[in-house]
Amino acid sequence: MNKQVAITMRFDPNLYERIKTISRGKGRSITAFVQEAVARKITEEEADVLFDAFTLVGKESRDASVEYACDAQREVILKDG
């Protein structure tokens, strides 16, 4: 069994009741519900960070160009050849 860290969380009473209702309806604990929701949100946030990073690369194609590296490799190959 994985070790887990116990924490205290505070919820708006209405939100807590909604969580409790959904958890019970699915036969799951509130802890399992919150863990799943947090894991899903983390995955979403990580995907957003990657998307933003790749978007930045694509914005300035001149800055993202690797043509200079190809030119440098060509120069080395021709020099040694």
N, C-alpha and C. Protein backbone atom coordinates (compact mmCIF):
# COMPACT_ATOMS: atom_id res chain seq x y z
N MET A 1 0.84 -1.18 0.00
CA MET A 1 0.00 0.00 0.00
C MET A 1 0.88 1.24 0.00
N ASN A 2 0.51 2.22 -0.82
CA ASN A 2 1.26 3.47 -0.89
C ASN A 2 1.05 4.29 0.37
N LYS A 3 2.14 4.92 0.81
CA LYS A 3 2.00 5.83 1.94
C LYS A 3 1.29 7.07 1.47
N GLN A 4 0.44 7.60 2.30
CA GLN A 4 -0.28 8.82 1.96
C GLN A 4 -0.05 9.85 3.06
N VAL A 5 -0.14 11.10 2.67
CA VAL A 5 0.02 12.21 3.60
C VAL A 5 -1.37 12.72 3.96
N ALA A 6 -1.63 12.85 5.24
CA ALA A 6 -2.92 13.37 5.70
C ALA A 6 -2.86 14.89 5.74
N ILE A 7 -3.88 15.53 5.20
CA ILE A 7 -3.96 16.99 5.24
C ILE A 7 -5.37 17.40 5.68
N THR A 8 -5.50 18.64 6.08
CA THR A 8 -6.80 19.19 6.42
C THR A 8 -7.20 20.16 5.31
N MET A 9 -8.43 20.02 4.83
CA MET A 9 -8.92 20.92 3.79
C MET A 9 -10.20 21.58 4.27
N ARG A 10 -10.44 22.77 3.76
CA ARG A 10 -11.67 23.48 4.09
C ARG A 10 -12.44 23.72 2.80
N PHE A 11 -13.74 23.42 2.85
CA PHE A 11 -14.61 23.61 1.70
C PHE A 11 -15.80 24.48 2.09
N ASP A 12 -16.29 25.21 1.13
CA ASP A 12 -17.56 25.89 1.29
C ASP A 12 -18.60 24.79 1.57
N PRO A 13 -19.51 25.00 2.52
CA PRO A 13 -20.47 23.95 2.87
C PRO A 13 -21.26 23.40 1.67
N ASN A 14 -21.66 24.27 0.76
CA ASN A 14 -22.40 23.81 -0.41
C ASN A 14 -21.55 22.91 -1.30
N LEU A 15 -20.29 23.29 -1.49
CA LEU A 15 -19.39 22.47 -2.30
C LEU A 15 -19.15 21.13 -1.62
N TYR A 16 -18.96 21.15 -0.32
CA TYR A 16 -18.75 19.91 0.43
C TYR A 16 -19.94 18.97 0.26
N GLU A 17 -21.14 19.49 0.35
CA GLU A 17 -22.34 18.66 0.19
C GLU A 17 -22.41 18.06 -1.21
N ARG A 18 -22.03 18.84 -2.20
CA ARG A 18 -22.01 18.32 -3.58
C ARG A 18 -20.99 17.21 -3.73
N ILE A 19 -19.80 17.41 -3.15
CA ILE A 19 -18.76 16.37 -3.19
C ILE A 19 -19.26 15.11 -2.51
N LYS A 20 -19.84 15.28 -1.34
CA LYS A 20 -20.34 14.14 -0.56
C LYS A 20 -21.42 13.39 -1.33
N THR A 21 -22.34 14.11 -1.94
CA THR A 21 -23.43 13.48 -2.69
C THR A 21 -22.89 12.68 -3.88
N ILE A 22 -21.99 13.28 -4.63
CA ILE A 22 -21.43 12.58 -5.79
C ILE A 22 -20.61 11.38 -5.35
N SER A 23 -19.80 11.54 -4.31
CA SER A 23 -18.97 10.44 -3.81
C SER A 23 -19.83 9.27 -3.37
N ARG A 24 -20.84 9.55 -2.59
CA ARG A 24 -21.74 8.48 -2.12
C ARG A 24 -22.43 7.81 -3.29
N GLY A 25 -22.88 8.60 -4.25
CA GLY A 25 -23.56 8.06 -5.42
C GLY A 25 -22.70 7.11 -6.22
N LYS A 26 -21.41 7.32 -6.18
CA LYS A 26 -20.48 6.45 -6.90
C LYS A 26 -19.87 5.39 -6.00
N GLY A 27 -20.28 5.38 -4.74
CA GLY A 27 -19.75 4.39 -3.81
C GLY A 27 -18.28 4.59 -3.49
N ARG A 28 -17.86 5.84 -3.49
CA ARG A 28 -16.45 6.15 -3.23
C ARG A 28 -16.35 7.09 -2.04
N SER A 29 -15.16 7.14 -1.48
CA SER A 29 -14.93 8.05 -0.36
C SER A 29 -14.71 9.47 -0.88
N ILE A 30 -14.89 10.41 0.01
CA ILE A 30 -14.61 11.80 -0.34
C ILE A 30 -13.13 11.95 -0.66
N THR A 31 -12.28 11.26 0.07
CA THR A 31 -10.84 11.30 -0.19
C THR A 31 -10.54 10.86 -1.61
N ALA A 32 -11.13 9.74 -2.03
CA ALA A 32 -10.89 9.23 -3.39
C ALA A 32 -11.37 10.24 -4.43
N PHE A 33 -12.52 10.85 -4.17
CA PHE A 33 -13.06 11.85 -5.09
C PHE A 33 -12.10 13.03 -5.23
N VAL A 34 -11.64 13.56 -4.11
CA VAL A 34 -10.75 14.72 -4.13
C VAL A 34 -9.41 14.36 -4.77
N GLN A 35 -8.87 13.17 -4.45
CA GLN A 35 -7.61 12.75 -5.05
C GLN A 35 -7.73 12.68 -6.57
N GLU A 36 -8.82 12.10 -7.05
CA GLU A 36 -9.04 11.98 -8.49
C GLU A 36 -9.17 13.36 -9.13
N ALA A 37 -9.92 14.25 -8.49
CA ALA A 37 -10.11 15.60 -9.03
C ALA A 37 -8.79 16.37 -9.07
N VAL A 38 -7.99 16.25 -8.03
CA VAL A 38 -6.71 16.95 -7.98
C VAL A 38 -5.76 16.37 -9.03
N ALA A 39 -5.71 15.05 -9.15
CA ALA A 39 -4.85 14.41 -10.15
C ALA A 39 -5.24 14.86 -11.56
N ARG A 40 -6.53 14.94 -11.83
CA ARG A 40 -7.01 15.39 -13.14
C ARG A 40 -6.60 16.84 -13.39
N LYS A 41 -6.71 17.68 -12.37
CA LYS A 41 -6.35 19.09 -12.51
C LYS A 41 -4.84 19.26 -12.73
N ILE A 42 -4.04 18.47 -12.04
CA ILE A 42 -2.59 18.53 -12.22
C ILE A 42 -2.23 18.14 -13.65
N THR A 43 -2.82 17.07 -14.16
CA THR A 43 -2.57 16.64 -15.53
C THR A 43 -2.94 17.75 -16.51
N GLU A 44 -4.06 18.40 -16.28
CA GLU A 44 -4.52 19.50 -17.13
C GLU A 44 -3.53 20.66 -17.09
N GLU A 45 -3.08 21.02 -15.89
CA GLU A 45 -2.14 22.14 -15.75
C GLU A 45 -0.81 21.82 -16.43
N GLU A 46 -0.31 20.59 -16.26
CA GLU A 46 0.95 20.20 -16.89
C GLU A 46 0.82 20.23 -18.41
N ALA A 47 -0.31 19.80 -18.94
CA ALA A 47 -0.54 19.86 -20.38
C ALA A 47 -0.57 21.31 -20.86
N ASP A 48 -1.17 22.19 -20.08
CA ASP A 48 -1.22 23.61 -20.44
C ASP A 48 0.19 24.21 -20.48
N VAL A 49 1.03 23.84 -19.53
CA VAL A 49 2.40 24.35 -19.50
C VAL A 49 3.15 23.90 -20.75
N LEU A 50 3.02 22.62 -21.12
CA LEU A 50 3.68 22.12 -22.33
C LEU A 50 3.14 22.83 -23.57
N PHE A 51 1.83 22.98 -23.64
CA PHE A 51 1.23 23.65 -24.80
C PHE A 51 1.77 25.07 -24.93
N ASP A 52 1.82 25.79 -23.80
CA ASP A 52 2.34 27.16 -23.83
C ASP A 52 3.79 27.19 -24.27
N ALA A 53 4.59 26.24 -23.79
CA ALA A 53 6.01 26.20 -24.17
C ALA A 53 6.17 25.94 -25.66
N PHE A 54 5.40 24.98 -26.19
CA PHE A 54 5.50 24.69 -27.62
C PHE A 54 4.94 25.83 -28.46
N THR A 55 3.95 26.53 -27.95
CA THR A 55 3.40 27.68 -28.66
C THR A 55 4.44 28.78 -28.77
N LEU A 56 5.21 28.99 -27.71
CA LEU A 56 6.27 30.00 -27.75
C LEU A 56 7.32 29.65 -28.79
N VAL A 57 7.65 28.38 -28.89
CA VAL A 57 8.65 27.94 -29.87
C VAL A 57 8.15 28.24 -31.28
N GLY A 58 6.87 28.02 -31.51
CA GLY A 58 6.32 28.21 -32.84
C GLY A 58 6.04 29.66 -33.22
N LYS A 59 6.01 30.57 -32.26
CA LYS A 59 5.68 31.97 -32.56
C LYS A 59 6.76 32.65 -33.38
N GLU A 60 7.97 32.46 -33.03
CA GLU A 60 9.08 33.08 -33.75
C GLU A 60 9.86 31.99 -34.46
N SER A 61 9.45 31.69 -35.67
CA SER A 61 10.11 30.59 -36.38
C SER A 61 11.59 30.87 -36.60
N ARG A 62 11.95 32.15 -36.73
CA ARG A 62 13.36 32.47 -36.90
C ARG A 62 14.14 32.08 -35.65
N ASP A 63 13.56 32.33 -34.47
CA ASP A 63 14.22 31.98 -33.22
C ASP A 63 14.24 30.47 -33.00
N ALA A 64 13.27 29.77 -33.58
CA ALA A 64 13.18 28.32 -33.39
C ALA A 64 13.91 27.56 -34.49
N SER A 65 14.49 28.27 -35.43
CA SER A 65 15.14 27.63 -36.56
C SER A 65 16.38 26.87 -36.13
N VAL A 66 16.58 25.72 -36.74
CA VAL A 66 17.79 24.93 -36.49
C VAL A 66 18.70 24.96 -37.72
N GLU A 67 18.35 25.83 -38.65
CA GLU A 67 19.12 25.93 -39.90
C GLU A 67 20.59 26.26 -39.61
N TYR A 68 20.84 27.11 -38.61
CA TYR A 68 22.22 27.46 -38.27
C TYR A 68 23.02 26.22 -37.88
N ALA A 69 22.36 25.27 -37.20
CA ALA A 69 23.05 24.04 -36.80
C ALA A 69 23.36 23.19 -38.02
N CYS A 70 22.44 23.13 -38.96
CA CYS A 70 22.67 22.38 -40.20
C CYS A 70 23.84 22.99 -40.96
N ASP A 71 23.87 24.32 -41.03
CA ASP A 71 24.98 25.00 -41.71
C ASP A 71 26.31 24.70 -41.02
N ALA A 72 26.33 24.71 -39.71
CA ALA A 72 27.56 24.43 -38.97
C ALA A 72 28.01 22.99 -39.20
N GLN A 73 27.08 22.05 -39.19
CA GLN A 73 27.44 20.65 -39.45
C GLN A 73 27.97 20.48 -40.87
N ARG A 74 27.34 21.13 -41.83
CA ARG A 74 27.76 21.06 -43.23
C ARG A 74 29.19 21.58 -43.35
N GLU A 75 29.46 22.68 -42.67
CA GLU A 75 30.79 23.28 -42.72
C GLU A 75 31.85 22.33 -42.17
N VAL A 76 31.55 21.67 -41.05
CA VAL A 76 32.49 20.72 -40.45
C VAL A 76 32.71 19.53 -41.36
N ILE A 77 31.65 19.00 -41.93
CA ILE A 77 31.76 17.83 -42.81
C ILE A 77 32.59 18.17 -44.04
N LEU A 78 32.33 19.31 -44.65
CA LEU A 78 33.07 19.70 -45.85
C LEU A 78 34.53 19.99 -45.53
N LYS A 79 34.80 20.52 -44.35
CA LYS A 79 36.17 20.82 -43.94
C LYS A 79 36.97 19.53 -43.77
N ASP A 80 36.35 18.50 -43.16
CA ASP A 80 37.03 17.23 -42.91
C ASP A 80 37.11 16.37 -44.16
N GLY A 81 36.25 16.63 -45.13
CA GLY A 81 36.15 15.77 -46.32
C GLY A 81 37.15 16.12 -47.30
